[in-house]
N, C-alpha and C. Protein backbone atom coordinates (compact mmCIF):
# COMPACT_ATOMS: atom_id res chain seq x y z
N MET A 1 94.50 198.22 119.16
CA MET A 1 95.19 199.28 118.45
C MET A 1 95.59 200.36 119.44
N GLY A 2 96.77 200.91 119.26
CA GLY A 2 97.24 201.94 120.16
C GLY A 2 96.55 203.26 119.92
N ALA A 3 96.70 204.14 120.90
CA ALA A 3 96.06 205.45 120.82
C ALA A 3 96.54 206.24 119.61
N ASP A 4 97.84 206.18 119.31
CA ASP A 4 98.35 206.90 118.15
C ASP A 4 97.72 206.39 116.86
N ARG A 5 97.67 205.07 116.71
CA ARG A 5 97.05 204.49 115.51
C ARG A 5 95.61 204.94 115.40
N ASP A 6 94.88 204.88 116.50
CA ASP A 6 93.48 205.31 116.48
C ASP A 6 93.36 206.77 116.08
N HIS A 7 94.27 207.59 116.58
CA HIS A 7 94.27 209.02 116.26
C HIS A 7 94.44 209.24 114.76
N PHE A 8 95.43 208.58 114.16
CA PHE A 8 95.68 208.75 112.73
C PHE A 8 94.51 208.21 111.90
N ILE A 9 93.97 207.06 112.29
CA ILE A 9 92.83 206.50 111.57
C ILE A 9 91.64 207.44 111.66
N ARG A 10 91.40 207.99 112.82
CA ARG A 10 90.28 208.93 113.00
C ARG A 10 90.47 210.17 112.13
N ASP A 11 91.69 210.69 112.06
CA ASP A 11 91.95 211.85 111.21
C ASP A 11 91.65 211.55 109.75
N VAL A 12 92.10 210.40 109.28
CA VAL A 12 91.86 210.02 107.88
C VAL A 12 90.36 209.84 107.64
N ALA A 13 89.70 209.14 108.54
CA ALA A 13 88.27 208.90 108.40
C ALA A 13 87.49 210.21 108.39
N ASP A 14 87.84 211.12 109.29
CA ASP A 14 87.17 212.43 109.34
C ASP A 14 87.30 213.16 108.02
N LEU A 15 88.48 213.14 107.45
CA LEU A 15 88.72 213.83 106.19
C LEU A 15 87.94 213.19 105.04
N LEU A 16 87.78 211.87 105.10
CA LEU A 16 87.03 211.16 104.06
C LEU A 16 85.53 211.19 104.30
N GLY A 17 85.12 211.61 105.49
CA GLY A 17 83.70 211.65 105.81
C GLY A 17 83.09 210.28 106.08
N VAL A 18 83.91 209.38 106.65
CA VAL A 18 83.43 208.05 106.99
C VAL A 18 83.75 207.76 108.46
N ALA A 19 83.13 206.73 108.98
CA ALA A 19 83.43 206.30 110.35
C ALA A 19 84.77 205.55 110.34
N PRO A 20 85.57 205.71 111.39
CA PRO A 20 86.85 205.00 111.45
C PRO A 20 86.71 203.49 111.24
N GLU A 21 85.60 202.93 111.69
CA GLU A 21 85.37 201.49 111.56
C GLU A 21 85.22 201.06 110.10
N GLU A 22 84.93 202.01 109.22
CA GLU A 22 84.77 201.69 107.80
C GLU A 22 86.11 201.52 107.09
N LEU A 23 87.19 201.91 107.74
CA LEU A 23 88.52 201.78 107.16
C LEU A 23 89.22 200.56 107.74
N SER A 24 89.71 199.70 106.87
CA SER A 24 90.53 198.59 107.35
C SER A 24 91.98 198.92 107.05
N THR A 25 92.88 198.19 107.65
CA THR A 25 94.29 198.50 107.46
C THR A 25 94.75 198.25 106.03
N ASP A 26 94.00 197.46 105.26
CA ASP A 26 94.37 197.24 103.86
C ASP A 26 93.63 198.17 102.90
N THR A 27 92.94 199.18 103.44
CA THR A 27 92.23 200.15 102.61
C THR A 27 93.22 200.97 101.79
N ASN A 28 92.99 201.02 100.48
CA ASN A 28 93.75 201.93 99.62
C ASN A 28 93.05 203.28 99.73
N LEU A 29 93.73 204.23 100.32
CA LEU A 29 93.10 205.51 100.64
C LEU A 29 92.80 206.35 99.41
N LEU A 30 93.54 206.16 98.33
CA LEU A 30 93.22 206.86 97.09
C LEU A 30 91.91 206.32 96.52
N ASP A 31 91.73 205.01 96.57
CA ASP A 31 90.48 204.41 96.11
C ASP A 31 89.31 204.84 96.99
N ALA A 32 89.59 205.15 98.26
CA ALA A 32 88.55 205.56 99.20
C ALA A 32 88.19 207.04 99.05
N GLY A 33 88.90 207.76 98.17
CA GLY A 33 88.56 209.16 97.91
C GLY A 33 89.60 210.18 98.32
N LEU A 34 90.70 209.74 98.88
CA LEU A 34 91.75 210.68 99.27
C LEU A 34 92.47 211.17 98.01
N ASP A 35 92.81 212.44 97.99
CA ASP A 35 93.56 213.00 96.86
C ASP A 35 94.74 213.79 97.42
N SER A 36 95.53 214.36 96.52
CA SER A 36 96.76 215.04 96.95
C SER A 36 96.49 216.23 97.86
N VAL A 37 95.41 216.94 97.62
CA VAL A 37 95.07 218.08 98.47
C VAL A 37 94.76 217.61 99.89
N ARG A 38 94.00 216.55 99.99
CA ARG A 38 93.65 216.02 101.31
C ARG A 38 94.87 215.42 102.01
N ILE A 39 95.75 214.79 101.24
CA ILE A 39 96.98 214.27 101.85
C ILE A 39 97.77 215.42 102.47
N MET A 40 97.87 216.53 101.75
CA MET A 40 98.59 217.69 102.28
C MET A 40 97.90 218.25 103.53
N GLN A 41 96.57 218.21 103.56
CA GLN A 41 95.85 218.66 104.76
C GLN A 41 96.23 217.79 105.95
N LEU A 42 96.29 216.48 105.74
CA LEU A 42 96.69 215.58 106.82
C LEU A 42 98.13 215.83 107.24
N VAL A 43 99.02 216.00 106.27
CA VAL A 43 100.42 216.25 106.58
C VAL A 43 100.57 217.51 107.42
N GLU A 44 99.90 218.58 107.03
CA GLU A 44 99.99 219.83 107.78
C GLU A 44 99.44 219.66 109.20
N LYS A 45 98.32 218.95 109.33
CA LYS A 45 97.74 218.71 110.65
C LYS A 45 98.72 217.92 111.52
N TRP A 46 99.25 216.84 110.97
CA TRP A 46 100.14 215.99 111.75
C TRP A 46 101.44 216.70 112.08
N ARG A 47 101.95 217.49 111.16
CA ARG A 47 103.17 218.26 111.45
C ARG A 47 102.91 219.27 112.57
N SER A 48 101.74 219.89 112.55
CA SER A 48 101.41 220.86 113.60
C SER A 48 101.26 220.19 114.96
N GLU A 49 101.02 218.88 114.95
CA GLU A 49 100.90 218.11 116.19
C GLU A 49 102.24 217.50 116.63
N GLY A 50 103.31 217.85 115.91
CA GLY A 50 104.63 217.39 116.31
C GLY A 50 105.22 216.26 115.48
N HIS A 51 104.53 215.82 114.46
CA HIS A 51 105.04 214.76 113.59
C HIS A 51 105.71 215.40 112.38
N GLU A 52 106.84 216.08 112.62
CA GLU A 52 107.49 216.90 111.61
C GLU A 52 108.02 216.12 110.42
N THR A 53 108.28 214.84 110.60
CA THR A 53 108.91 214.06 109.53
C THR A 53 107.93 213.40 108.58
N VAL A 54 106.65 213.68 108.71
CA VAL A 54 105.66 213.09 107.80
C VAL A 54 105.98 213.53 106.38
N ASP A 55 106.12 212.55 105.48
CA ASP A 55 106.52 212.80 104.10
C ASP A 55 105.32 212.60 103.16
N PRO A 56 104.81 213.67 102.57
CA PRO A 56 103.65 213.54 101.69
C PRO A 56 103.92 212.66 100.47
N LEU A 57 105.14 212.64 99.98
CA LEU A 57 105.45 211.79 98.82
C LEU A 57 105.38 210.31 99.19
N MET A 58 105.83 209.96 100.38
CA MET A 58 105.73 208.58 100.83
C MET A 58 104.26 208.19 100.98
N LEU A 59 103.47 209.08 101.57
CA LEU A 59 102.06 208.77 101.77
C LEU A 59 101.36 208.57 100.43
N ALA A 60 101.62 209.44 99.48
CA ALA A 60 100.98 209.33 98.16
C ALA A 60 101.50 208.12 97.39
N GLY A 61 102.76 207.77 97.60
CA GLY A 61 103.37 206.66 96.88
C GLY A 61 102.93 205.29 97.36
N ASP A 62 102.47 205.21 98.59
CA ASP A 62 102.00 203.94 99.18
C ASP A 62 100.75 204.24 99.99
N PRO A 63 99.61 204.39 99.30
CA PRO A 63 98.40 204.90 99.96
C PRO A 63 97.57 203.87 100.72
N VAL A 64 98.20 202.79 101.18
CA VAL A 64 97.49 201.79 101.97
C VAL A 64 97.60 202.18 103.45
N LEU A 65 96.49 202.16 104.15
CA LEU A 65 96.46 202.64 105.53
C LEU A 65 97.51 201.98 106.41
N GLU A 66 97.68 200.67 106.32
CA GLU A 66 98.68 199.99 107.17
C GLU A 66 100.09 200.52 106.90
N SER A 67 100.41 200.81 105.66
CA SER A 67 101.73 201.36 105.32
C SER A 67 101.93 202.70 106.01
N TRP A 68 100.89 203.51 106.02
CA TRP A 68 100.98 204.81 106.69
C TRP A 68 101.20 204.61 108.18
N LEU A 69 100.44 203.69 108.77
CA LEU A 69 100.54 203.47 110.22
C LEU A 69 101.91 202.94 110.61
N GLU A 70 102.52 202.12 109.76
CA GLU A 70 103.86 201.61 110.05
C GLU A 70 104.88 202.74 110.13
N VAL A 71 104.69 203.76 109.32
CA VAL A 71 105.61 204.91 109.31
C VAL A 71 105.27 205.88 110.44
N LEU A 72 103.99 206.13 110.64
CA LEU A 72 103.55 207.12 111.62
C LEU A 72 103.64 206.61 113.06
N CYS A 73 103.51 205.31 113.25
CA CYS A 73 103.51 204.72 114.59
C CYS A 73 104.52 203.57 114.66
N PRO A 74 105.80 203.88 114.52
CA PRO A 74 106.80 202.80 114.50
C PRO A 74 106.89 202.06 115.83
């Protein structure tokens, strides 16, 4: 896995309070405990790091980790 993918996975895991290894690419993040407030926290963090095009509606609409990584790490 690339450094960017690892970074995004680590951010999600930190917010959920789990180890990154506990998340698989087919994890449904809403089922794992992510909610709209936490999605917005991630969006704001990632935008502040230069990922200005992160779309919270896309993330919420397809909450599978691999789908997020495909968009965040093209």
